[in-house]
N, C-alpha and C. Protein backbone atom coordinates (compact mmCIF):
# COMPACT_ATOMS: atom_id res chain seq x y z
N MET A 1 0.72 -0.82 -0.43
CA MET A 1 0.05 -0.60 -0.01
C MET A 1 0.61 1.47 0.03
N ALA A 2 0.67 2.16 -0.83
CA ALA A 2 1.10 3.41 -0.53
C ALA A 2 0.69 4.50 0.78
N VAL A 3 1.47 5.08 0.78
CA VAL A 3 1.02 6.32 1.55
C VAL A 3 1.12 7.72 0.48
N THR A 4 -0.34 8.13 0.67
CA THR A 4 -0.35 9.37 0.05
C THR A 4 -0.30 10.99 0.77
N TYR A 5 -0.39 11.79 0.36
CA TYR A 5 -0.02 13.28 0.78
C TYR A 5 -1.21 13.89 -0.43
N ARG A 6 -1.94 14.92 0.86
CA ARG A 6 -2.38 15.70 0.33
C ARG A 6 -2.49 17.73 0.89
N GLU A 7 -2.58 18.42 0.19
CA GLU A 7 -2.48 19.54 0.71
C GLU A 7 -3.74 19.46 1.54
N VAL A 8 -3.59 20.70 2.75
CA VAL A 8 -4.84 20.89 3.64
C VAL A 8 -5.07 22.59 2.98
N GLU A 9 -6.13 22.45 2.55
CA GLU A 9 -6.83 23.86 1.68
C GLU A 9 -7.72 24.23 2.76
N GLY A 10 -7.86 25.59 2.32
CA GLY A 10 -9.59 26.43 2.34
C GLY A 10 -9.31 27.29 3.83
N GLN A 11 -10.25 26.52 4.64
CA GLN A 11 -10.09 27.60 5.85
C GLN A 11 -9.60 26.91 6.55
N ALA A 12 -9.49 25.44 6.55
CA ALA A 12 -8.66 24.52 7.75
C ALA A 12 -7.17 24.89 7.66
N ALA A 13 -6.92 25.25 6.58
CA ALA A 13 -5.18 25.61 5.65
C ALA A 13 -5.03 26.97 6.28
N ALA A 14 -5.82 27.79 6.46
CA ALA A 14 -5.66 29.26 6.93
C ALA A 14 -5.58 29.37 8.65
N THR A 15 -6.52 28.01 9.03
CA THR A 15 -6.59 28.45 10.60
C THR A 15 -5.44 27.70 11.10
N ILE A 16 -4.98 26.71 10.44
CA ILE A 16 -3.74 26.22 10.85
C ILE A 16 -2.17 26.66 11.18
N ASP A 17 -2.26 27.60 9.69
CA ASP A 17 -1.43 28.29 9.55
C ASP A 17 -1.36 29.76 10.13
N ASN A 18 -1.98 30.32 10.77
CA ASN A 18 -2.72 31.54 11.69
C ASN A 18 -1.99 31.13 13.26
N LEU A 19 -2.53 29.67 13.14
CA LEU A 19 -2.11 29.33 14.37
C LEU A 19 -0.70 28.98 15.13
N PHE A 20 0.08 28.53 13.42
CA PHE A 20 1.75 28.31 13.65
C PHE A 20 2.24 29.18 13.12
N GLY A 21 1.51 30.20 12.78
CA GLY A 21 2.42 31.29 11.73
C GLY A 21 3.45 30.68 11.01
N VAL A 22 2.78 29.62 10.62
CA VAL A 22 3.88 29.25 9.27
C VAL A 22 2.81 28.93 8.02
N LYS A 23 3.42 29.25 7.19
CA LYS A 23 2.28 28.49 5.70
C LYS A 23 2.86 27.13 5.33
N HIS A 24 1.50 26.87 5.30
CA HIS A 24 1.46 25.01 4.65
C HIS A 24 2.55 24.46 5.82
N CYS A 25 1.52 24.83 6.90
CA CYS A 25 2.82 24.00 7.81
C CYS A 25 2.21 22.31 8.32
N LEU A 26 1.33 22.12 7.69
CA LEU A 26 0.80 20.40 7.90
C LEU A 26 0.12 19.84 6.47
N ILE A 27 0.32 18.85 6.51
CA ILE A 27 -0.37 17.79 5.48
C ILE A 27 -0.87 17.06 5.86
N GLU A 28 -1.97 16.41 4.85
CA GLU A 28 -2.55 15.19 4.99
C GLU A 28 -1.98 14.13 4.74
N VAL A 29 -1.74 13.05 5.93
CA VAL A 29 -1.22 11.97 5.08
C VAL A 29 -2.22 10.79 5.55
N ASN A 30 -2.20 10.12 4.46
CA ASN A 30 -3.18 8.79 3.90
C ASN A 30 -2.44 7.58 4.14
N PRO A 31 -2.80 6.14 4.54
CA PRO A 31 -4.00 6.31 5.24
C PRO A 31 -4.43 6.64 6.49
N GLY A 32 -5.17 7.36 7.21
CA GLY A 32 -5.66 7.95 8.57
C GLY A 32 -5.76 9.40 8.11
N ALA A 33 -5.48 10.03 7.35
CA ALA A 33 -6.19 11.51 7.35
C ALA A 33 -5.64 12.04 8.57
N CYS A 34 -4.03 12.33 8.92
CA CYS A 34 -3.04 12.18 10.08
C CYS A 34 -2.28 13.67 9.47
N LEU A 35 -2.53 14.60 10.25
CA LEU A 35 -1.94 16.13 9.93
C LEU A 35 -0.27 15.59 9.98
N LEU A 36 0.45 16.01 9.62
CA LEU A 36 1.86 16.27 9.62
C LEU A 36 2.72 16.93 9.01
N PRO A 37 3.65 17.77 9.59
CA PRO A 37 4.56 18.61 8.59
C PRO A 37 5.00 17.94 7.11
N PRO A 38 4.87 18.68 6.13
CA PRO A 38 5.38 18.50 4.89
C PRO A 38 6.24 17.69 4.89
N LYS A 39 7.52 17.74 5.53
CA LYS A 39 8.75 16.29 5.71
C LYS A 39 8.58 15.32 5.13
N TYR A 40 7.44 15.26 6.24
CA TYR A 40 7.42 13.93 6.27
C TYR A 40 7.03 13.21 5.07
N LYS A 41 6.39 13.75 3.73
CA LYS A 41 6.90 13.03 2.75
C LYS A 41 7.80 12.48 2.12
N GLU A 42 9.36 12.84 2.75
CA GLU A 42 10.01 12.31 1.89
C GLU A 42 10.50 11.37 2.90
N MET A 43 9.83 10.29 3.96
CA MET A 43 10.00 9.74 5.21
C MET A 43 8.67 8.66 4.94
N GLY A 44 7.12 8.67 4.76
CA GLY A 44 6.61 8.59 5.09
C GLY A 44 6.08 6.85 4.46
N GLN A 45 6.77 6.32 3.01
CA GLN A 45 6.69 5.63 2.52
C GLN A 45 7.98 4.52 3.55
N ARG A 46 9.27 5.16 3.65
CA ARG A 46 9.95 4.21 4.07
C ARG A 46 10.03 4.08 5.24
N ILE A 47 9.27 4.74 6.27
CA ILE A 47 8.90 4.25 7.39
C ILE A 47 7.49 2.92 6.93
N TYR A 48 6.87 2.92 6.26
CA TYR A 48 6.08 2.68 6.06
C TYR A 48 6.15 0.55 5.54
N ASP A 49 7.56 1.14 5.17
CA ASP A 49 8.30 -0.42 4.66
C ASP A 49 9.72 -0.58 4.95
N MET A 50 9.55 -0.13 6.36
CA MET A 50 10.75 -0.51 7.33
C MET A 50 10.88 -1.97 7.65
N GLU A 51 11.74 -2.13 7.75
CA GLU A 51 12.45 -3.53 7.94
C GLU A 51 12.03 -3.54 10.01
N VAL A 52 11.26 -4.32 10.56
CA VAL A 52 10.96 -4.97 11.65
C VAL A 52 11.62 -6.19 12.26
N ARG A 53 12.17 -5.66 13.58
CA ARG A 53 13.02 -6.54 13.67
C ARG A 53 12.28 -7.49 14.64
N PRO A 54 11.96 -8.79 15.04
CA PRO A 54 11.67 -9.41 15.75
C PRO A 54 12.27 -9.37 17.50
N ASP A 55 13.15 -8.69 17.70
CA ASP A 55 13.86 -8.24 19.17
C ASP A 55 13.52 -6.61 19.17
N ASP A 56 13.10 -5.93 18.87
CA ASP A 56 12.75 -4.75 18.32
C ASP A 56 11.79 -4.45 19.72
N VAL A 57 11.85 -3.04 20.48
CA VAL A 57 10.84 -2.39 21.15
C VAL A 57 10.32 -1.20 21.16
N TRP A 58 8.86 -1.25 20.49
CA TRP A 58 8.77 0.02 20.03
C TRP A 58 7.87 0.30 21.73
N VAL A 59 7.65 1.73 21.55
CA VAL A 59 6.90 2.81 22.44
C VAL A 59 6.18 3.66 21.40
N VAL A 60 4.43 2.82 21.51
CA VAL A 60 3.62 4.01 20.03
C VAL A 60 3.22 4.77 22.04
N SER A 61 2.63 5.75 21.13
CA SER A 61 1.83 6.43 22.14
C SER A 61 1.27 8.30 21.63
N TYR A 62 0.24 8.85 21.61
CA TYR A 62 0.02 10.01 21.10
C TYR A 62 1.08 10.87 22.21
N PRO A 63 1.55 12.09 21.40
CA PRO A 63 2.49 13.22 22.54
C PRO A 63 2.06 13.06 23.58
N ARG A 64 2.90 13.38 25.00
CA ARG A 64 2.06 13.95 25.56
C ARG A 64 1.94 12.83 26.98
N THR A 65 1.91 11.95 26.83
CA THR A 65 1.29 11.05 27.34
C THR A 65 2.37 10.07 28.03
N GLY A 66 3.55 10.28 28.53
CA GLY A 66 4.71 9.55 29.07
C GLY A 66 5.22 8.90 28.22
N SER A 67 5.24 9.11 26.87
CA SER A 67 5.71 8.45 26.36
C SER A 67 7.71 7.85 26.83
N THR A 68 8.17 10.12 27.34
CA THR A 68 9.61 9.47 27.40
C THR A 68 9.79 9.13 28.63
N TRP A 69 9.48 9.14 30.07
CA TRP A 69 8.77 8.16 30.73
C TRP A 69 9.30 7.44 30.74
N THR A 70 8.63 6.71 30.03
CA THR A 70 8.40 4.96 29.59
C THR A 70 9.66 4.65 28.61
N GLN A 71 10.27 4.93 27.65
CA GLN A 71 11.28 4.70 27.23
C GLN A 71 12.68 4.80 28.03
N GLU A 72 12.48 5.62 28.85
CA GLU A 72 13.41 5.70 29.86
C GLU A 72 13.72 4.40 30.83
N MET A 73 12.50 4.42 30.99
CA MET A 73 12.49 3.00 31.95
C MET A 73 12.50 1.53 31.10
N VAL A 74 12.04 1.40 30.01
CA VAL A 74 12.30 0.81 29.45
C VAL A 74 14.18 0.05 28.64
N TRP A 75 14.72 1.49 28.50
CA TRP A 75 16.19 0.94 28.20
C TRP A 75 16.71 0.56 29.37
N LEU A 76 16.67 1.51 30.01
CA LEU A 76 17.48 0.84 31.97
C LEU A 76 17.21 -0.50 31.71
N ILE A 77 15.59 -0.95 31.91
CA ILE A 77 15.25 -2.75 32.06
C ILE A 77 15.73 -3.07 31.12
N CYS A 78 16.29 -2.74 29.89
CA CYS A 78 16.77 -3.72 28.81
C CYS A 78 18.74 -3.65 28.90
N ASN A 79 18.63 -2.86 29.40
CA ASN A 79 20.38 -2.17 29.66
C ASN A 79 20.74 -2.57 31.32
N ASN A 80 20.12 -3.98 32.08
CA ASN A 80 20.33 -3.83 33.50
C ASN A 80 20.70 -2.79 34.48
N LEU A 81 20.08 -1.69 34.54
CA LEU A 81 19.97 -0.62 35.08
C LEU A 81 21.04 0.11 34.91
N ASP A 82 22.08 0.30 33.94
CA ASP A 82 22.72 0.99 34.39
C ASP A 82 23.10 2.77 33.86
N PHE A 83 22.58 3.23 35.07
CA PHE A 83 22.53 4.53 35.11
C PHE A 83 23.60 5.60 34.28
N ASP A 84 24.74 5.18 34.47
CA ASP A 84 26.08 5.75 33.85
C ASP A 84 25.80 5.95 32.50
N LYS A 85 25.66 4.35 32.00
CA LYS A 85 25.44 4.93 30.63
C LYS A 85 24.40 5.31 29.81
N ALA A 86 22.93 5.57 30.51
CA ALA A 86 22.19 6.03 30.20
C ALA A 86 22.56 7.61 30.09
N LYS A 87 23.18 8.24 31.31
CA LYS A 87 23.97 9.30 31.42
C LYS A 87 24.70 10.21 30.43
N SER A 88 25.27 9.04 29.81
CA SER A 88 26.09 9.57 28.71
C SER A 88 25.94 9.56 27.24
N ALA A 89 24.25 9.42 26.90
CA ALA A 89 23.80 9.51 25.86
C ALA A 89 22.44 9.90 25.69
N LEU A 90 21.88 10.79 25.02
CA LEU A 90 20.67 11.64 24.66
C LEU A 90 19.82 10.40 24.59
N GLY A 91 18.62 10.64 25.26
CA GLY A 91 17.47 9.60 24.78
C GLY A 91 17.54 9.52 23.35
N GLN A 92 16.94 10.53 22.78
CA GLN A 92 17.60 10.25 21.34
C GLN A 92 18.02 9.62 20.21
N GLU A 93 19.30 9.45 21.05
CA GLU A 93 20.09 8.73 20.72
C GLU A 93 19.64 7.10 21.04
N ARG A 94 19.67 6.91 22.29
CA ARG A 94 19.10 5.10 22.84
C ARG A 94 18.04 4.91 22.43
N ASN A 95 16.69 5.90 22.24
CA ASN A 95 15.63 5.34 21.98
C ASN A 95 14.44 6.90 20.56
N PRO A 96 15.11 6.59 19.59
CA PRO A 96 14.56 7.61 18.78
C PRO A 96 13.43 7.63 18.66
N LEU A 97 13.05 8.94 18.36
CA LEU A 97 11.71 8.88 18.03
C LEU A 97 11.68 9.01 16.32
N LEU A 98 11.24 7.83 16.10
CA LEU A 98 11.46 7.86 14.65
C LEU A 98 10.97 8.97 13.72
N GLU A 99 9.91 9.55 13.88
CA GLU A 99 9.71 10.54 12.98
C GLU A 99 10.41 12.20 13.27
N LEU A 100 11.06 11.96 14.08
CA LEU A 100 11.50 13.27 14.62
C LEU A 100 11.87 14.16 13.85
N THR A 101 12.66 13.92 12.77
CA THR A 101 13.19 14.60 11.69
C THR A 101 11.96 15.59 10.65
N ALA A 102 11.00 14.75 10.63
CA ALA A 102 9.60 15.12 10.05
C ALA A 102 9.11 16.30 10.82
N LEU A 103 8.94 16.24 12.19
CA LEU A 103 8.45 17.12 13.46
C LEU A 103 8.99 18.37 13.63
N VAL A 104 10.63 18.12 13.42
CA VAL A 104 10.97 19.29 13.57
C VAL A 104 11.22 20.50 12.23
N ALA A 105 10.94 19.84 11.30
CA ALA A 105 11.49 20.38 10.18
C ALA A 105 11.18 22.21 9.73
N ASN A 106 9.68 22.39 10.88
CA ASN A 106 9.47 23.64 10.67
C ASN A 106 10.20 24.83 12.09
N ASP A 107 10.99 24.07 12.95
CA ASP A 107 10.99 24.55 14.01
C ASP A 107 12.04 25.57 14.57
N GLN A 108 12.09 26.17 14.90
CA GLN A 108 13.29 28.00 14.39
C GLN A 108 14.28 27.13 15.31
N GLY A 109 15.24 27.66 15.41
CA GLY A 109 16.79 27.59 16.13
C GLY A 109 17.48 26.17 15.65
N SER A 110 18.78 26.67 16.15
CA SER A 110 20.22 25.93 15.77
C SER A 110 19.99 24.66 16.58
N TRP A 111 19.31 24.36 17.50
CA TRP A 111 19.29 23.32 18.52
C TRP A 111 19.10 21.73 17.49
N LYS A 112 18.51 22.00 16.20
CA LYS A 112 18.06 20.78 15.79
C LYS A 112 19.31 20.66 15.10
N ASP A 113 20.03 21.59 14.08
CA ASP A 113 20.97 21.03 13.40
C ASP A 113 21.75 19.99 13.84
N GLY A 114 22.14 19.47 15.21
CA GLY A 114 22.73 18.29 15.68
C GLY A 114 22.08 16.67 15.83
N VAL A 115 20.63 17.21 15.41
CA VAL A 115 19.53 15.64 15.46
C VAL A 115 20.35 14.83 13.95
N ARG A 116 20.33 13.51 14.22
CA ARG A 116 20.70 13.09 12.66
C ARG A 116 19.57 12.71 12.32
N HIS A 117 18.99 11.96 10.72
CA HIS A 117 18.28 12.01 10.89
C HIS A 117 17.10 10.29 10.81
N SER A 118 16.09 10.79 11.76
CA SER A 118 15.77 10.02 12.47
C SER A 118 15.15 8.45 12.12
N VAL A 119 14.98 8.22 10.77
CA VAL A 119 14.91 7.07 10.15
C VAL A 119 15.93 6.60 9.92
N GLU A 120 17.28 7.06 9.56
CA GLU A 120 18.41 6.46 8.64
C GLU A 120 18.77 5.96 10.42
N GLN A 121 18.96 6.37 11.44
CA GLN A 121 19.00 6.43 13.18
C GLN A 121 18.50 4.87 13.10
N VAL A 122 17.31 5.25 12.87
CA VAL A 122 16.67 3.88 13.33
C VAL A 122 17.29 2.49 12.63
N GLU A 123 17.29 2.86 11.20
CA GLU A 123 17.87 1.80 10.59
C GLU A 123 19.06 1.43 10.86
N GLN A 124 20.36 1.93 11.39
CA GLN A 124 21.30 1.87 11.22
C GLN A 124 21.30 1.11 12.48
N MET A 125 20.88 1.30 13.31
CA MET A 125 20.79 1.02 15.05
C MET A 125 20.93 -0.88 15.02
N PRO A 126 22.25 -1.45 16.03
CA PRO A 126 22.49 -2.39 16.22
C PRO A 126 21.20 -2.74 17.45
N SER A 127 20.74 -4.06 16.87
CA SER A 127 19.66 -5.03 17.80
C SER A 127 20.40 -5.11 19.00
N PRO A 128 19.62 -5.16 20.18
CA PRO A 128 17.84 -4.82 19.70
C PRO A 128 17.61 -3.49 19.83
N ARG A 129 16.72 -2.83 19.11
CA ARG A 129 16.31 -1.49 19.10
C ARG A 129 15.58 -1.41 19.79
N MET A 130 15.44 0.13 20.59
CA MET A 130 14.08 0.17 21.43
C MET A 130 14.12 1.76 20.55
N ILE A 131 12.36 2.10 20.08
CA ILE A 131 11.86 2.65 19.25
C ILE A 131 11.28 3.57 19.80
N LYS A 132 10.86 4.57 19.58
CA LYS A 132 9.88 5.80 20.30
C LYS A 132 8.98 6.21 18.76
N THR A 133 7.68 5.96 19.25
CA THR A 133 7.00 6.81 17.79
C THR A 133 5.53 7.53 18.39
N HIS A 134 5.18 8.90 17.70
CA HIS A 134 3.84 8.86 17.90
C HIS A 134 3.19 8.88 16.35
N LEU A 135 2.87 7.90 15.78
CA LEU A 135 2.48 7.58 14.60
C LEU A 135 1.35 7.04 15.22
N PRO A 136 0.37 7.12 14.54
CA PRO A 136 -0.88 6.28 14.52
C PRO A 136 -0.95 5.11 13.69
N ARG A 137 -1.48 4.00 14.24
CA ARG A 137 -1.73 2.38 13.26
C ARG A 137 -1.49 2.91 12.37
N THR A 138 -1.76 3.15 11.72
CA THR A 138 -2.41 2.93 9.84
C THR A 138 -1.06 3.34 9.41
N LEU A 139 0.04 4.51 10.23
CA LEU A 139 1.26 4.83 9.54
C LEU A 139 2.46 4.27 9.75
N LEU A 140 2.25 3.17 11.14
CA LEU A 140 3.25 2.72 11.36
C LEU A 140 3.65 1.65 10.58
N PRO A 141 5.21 1.12 10.48
CA PRO A 141 5.64 -0.15 9.63
C PRO A 141 4.35 -1.42 9.48
N ARG A 142 4.24 -1.21 8.39
CA ARG A 142 3.39 -2.52 8.01
C ARG A 142 4.15 -4.07 8.81
N GLN A 143 5.52 -4.09 8.76
CA GLN A 143 5.92 -5.26 9.23
C GLN A 143 5.75 -6.03 10.79
N LEU A 144 5.32 -4.58 11.53
CA LEU A 144 5.17 -4.70 12.88
C LEU A 144 3.49 -5.32 13.91
N PHE A 145 3.27 -5.40 12.60
CA PHE A 145 2.21 -6.68 12.83
C PHE A 145 2.33 -8.22 12.34
N THR A 146 3.29 -8.13 11.22
CA THR A 146 3.20 -9.55 10.97
C THR A 146 5.18 -10.00 11.90
N VAL A 147 5.99 -9.56 12.27
CA VAL A 147 7.12 -9.07 12.73
C VAL A 147 6.73 -9.91 14.50
N LYS A 148 5.64 -8.63 15.04
CA LYS A 148 5.17 -8.78 15.76
C LYS A 148 6.52 -8.48 17.15
N PRO A 149 6.90 -7.80 16.99
CA PRO A 149 7.95 -7.50 18.07
C PRO A 149 7.40 -6.86 19.75
N LYS A 150 7.83 -6.44 20.42
CA LYS A 150 7.46 -6.08 21.71
C LYS A 150 6.93 -4.65 21.79
N VAL A 151 6.21 -4.39 22.05
CA VAL A 151 5.26 -3.62 21.27
C VAL A 151 4.29 -2.99 22.98
N ILE A 152 4.83 -1.19 23.16
CA ILE A 152 4.56 -0.98 24.52
C ILE A 152 3.35 0.17 24.19
N TYR A 153 2.27 0.21 24.06
CA TYR A 153 1.52 1.81 24.13
C TYR A 153 1.48 2.15 24.94
N VAL A 154 0.74 3.51 25.16
CA VAL A 154 1.52 4.29 26.28
C VAL A 154 0.25 5.19 25.87
N THR A 155 -1.04 5.23 27.14
CA THR A 155 -1.82 6.38 27.25
C THR A 155 -1.65 6.94 28.50
N ARG A 156 -2.70 8.14 28.73
CA ARG A 156 -2.86 9.11 29.39
C ARG A 156 -4.58 9.69 29.75
N ASN A 157 -4.70 10.05 30.30
CA ASN A 157 -6.50 10.80 30.39
C ASN A 157 -6.00 12.03 29.43
N PRO A 158 -7.27 11.58 28.28
CA PRO A 158 -7.07 13.00 27.45
C PRO A 158 -6.88 14.66 27.60
N LYS A 159 -7.70 14.89 29.07
CA LYS A 159 -7.85 16.21 29.22
C LYS A 159 -6.54 16.23 29.54
N ASP A 160 -5.53 15.76 30.41
CA ASP A 160 -4.26 16.03 30.55
C ASP A 160 -3.35 16.14 29.64
N MET A 161 -3.85 15.23 28.71
CA MET A 161 -3.18 15.67 27.06
C MET A 161 -2.81 16.41 27.07
N CYS A 162 -3.83 16.75 26.34
CA CYS A 162 -4.47 17.80 25.57
C CYS A 162 -3.61 19.49 26.30
N VAL A 163 -4.01 19.26 27.81
CA VAL A 163 -3.12 20.66 28.65
C VAL A 163 -1.70 20.63 28.29
N SER A 164 -1.47 19.83 28.13
CA SER A 164 0.27 19.15 28.11
C SER A 164 0.73 19.48 26.85
N TYR A 165 -0.12 18.90 26.10
CA TYR A 165 0.21 19.51 24.85
C TYR A 165 0.30 21.02 24.01
N TYR A 166 -0.75 21.75 24.39
CA TYR A 166 -0.86 22.73 24.29
C TYR A 166 0.05 23.42 24.66
N HIS A 167 1.01 23.53 25.93
CA HIS A 167 1.83 23.92 26.67
C HIS A 167 2.82 23.88 25.55
N TYR A 168 3.54 22.55 25.85
CA TYR A 168 4.26 22.24 25.05
C TYR A 168 4.50 22.78 23.33
N SER A 169 3.16 22.99 22.46
CA SER A 169 3.29 23.42 21.23
C SER A 169 3.26 24.46 21.63
N LYS A 170 3.04 25.50 22.88
CA LYS A 170 3.37 27.08 23.14
C LYS A 170 4.64 27.65 22.95
N LEU A 171 5.00 26.20 23.17
CA LEU A 171 7.21 26.63 23.96
C LEU A 171 7.71 25.97 23.07
N LEU A 172 7.75 25.13 22.02
CA LEU A 172 8.41 24.75 21.18
C LEU A 172 7.68 24.76 19.37
N HIS A 173 7.00 25.29 19.86
CA HIS A 173 6.22 25.16 18.12
C HIS A 173 5.76 26.47 17.46
N ASP A 174 5.85 27.36 18.23
CA ASP A 174 5.26 28.51 18.46
C ASP A 174 3.67 28.70 18.16
N TYR A 175 2.92 27.81 18.67
CA TYR A 175 1.52 28.08 18.98
C TYR A 175 0.83 28.93 19.20
N GLN A 176 0.27 29.57 18.70
CA GLN A 176 0.02 31.27 18.83
C GLN A 176 -1.78 31.08 19.41
N GLY A 177 -2.59 29.91 18.85
CA GLY A 177 -3.18 29.98 19.85
C GLY A 177 -4.41 29.58 20.88
N THR A 178 -5.27 29.50 21.25
CA THR A 178 -5.07 29.45 23.09
C THR A 178 -5.56 28.02 22.80
N LEU A 179 -6.17 26.91 24.13
CA LEU A 179 -6.42 26.28 24.34
C LEU A 179 -7.47 25.58 23.28
N ASP A 180 -8.61 26.39 23.88
CA ASP A 180 -9.63 26.21 22.98
C ASP A 180 -9.63 25.73 21.69
N GLN A 181 -8.11 26.33 21.39
CA GLN A 181 -8.76 26.33 19.53
C GLN A 181 -8.17 24.82 19.29
């Protein structure tokens, strides 16, 4: 199956552009009608076709649900609670967010310059890999459902998640709207 993309148009596009202060900041990705930054076009099919290994550990969640805490716990458990080793490398190096390259493409600032291409990083990791993603089920690698690695799904009270995501978006993605928008 092919991953397809469609520009967001009309009033929806104008609203999104105003809220984030960037023109054409999101596209619709299918299957699933998920809104993602346009940079995702460069990696969407590659992610969908990605090789999944039986010893992978996937942390799958909606953003702001506790996935960073979970990925740290998983990494430590899989590495015999080696806190010194954990401190020696950033979480993104040990447990990469698969779609990070696309998510930060519109962000301003030099902080992202040192971030490796997230899909390449995952593909090049030795086994066992610990991978985090916020992608919906329809955009995850298709082999995830046949190879059947370990998958940890993280969830949180939706009200708490929405408030957290609002503050996160204001801080890191220059969101211009209110919580109600």
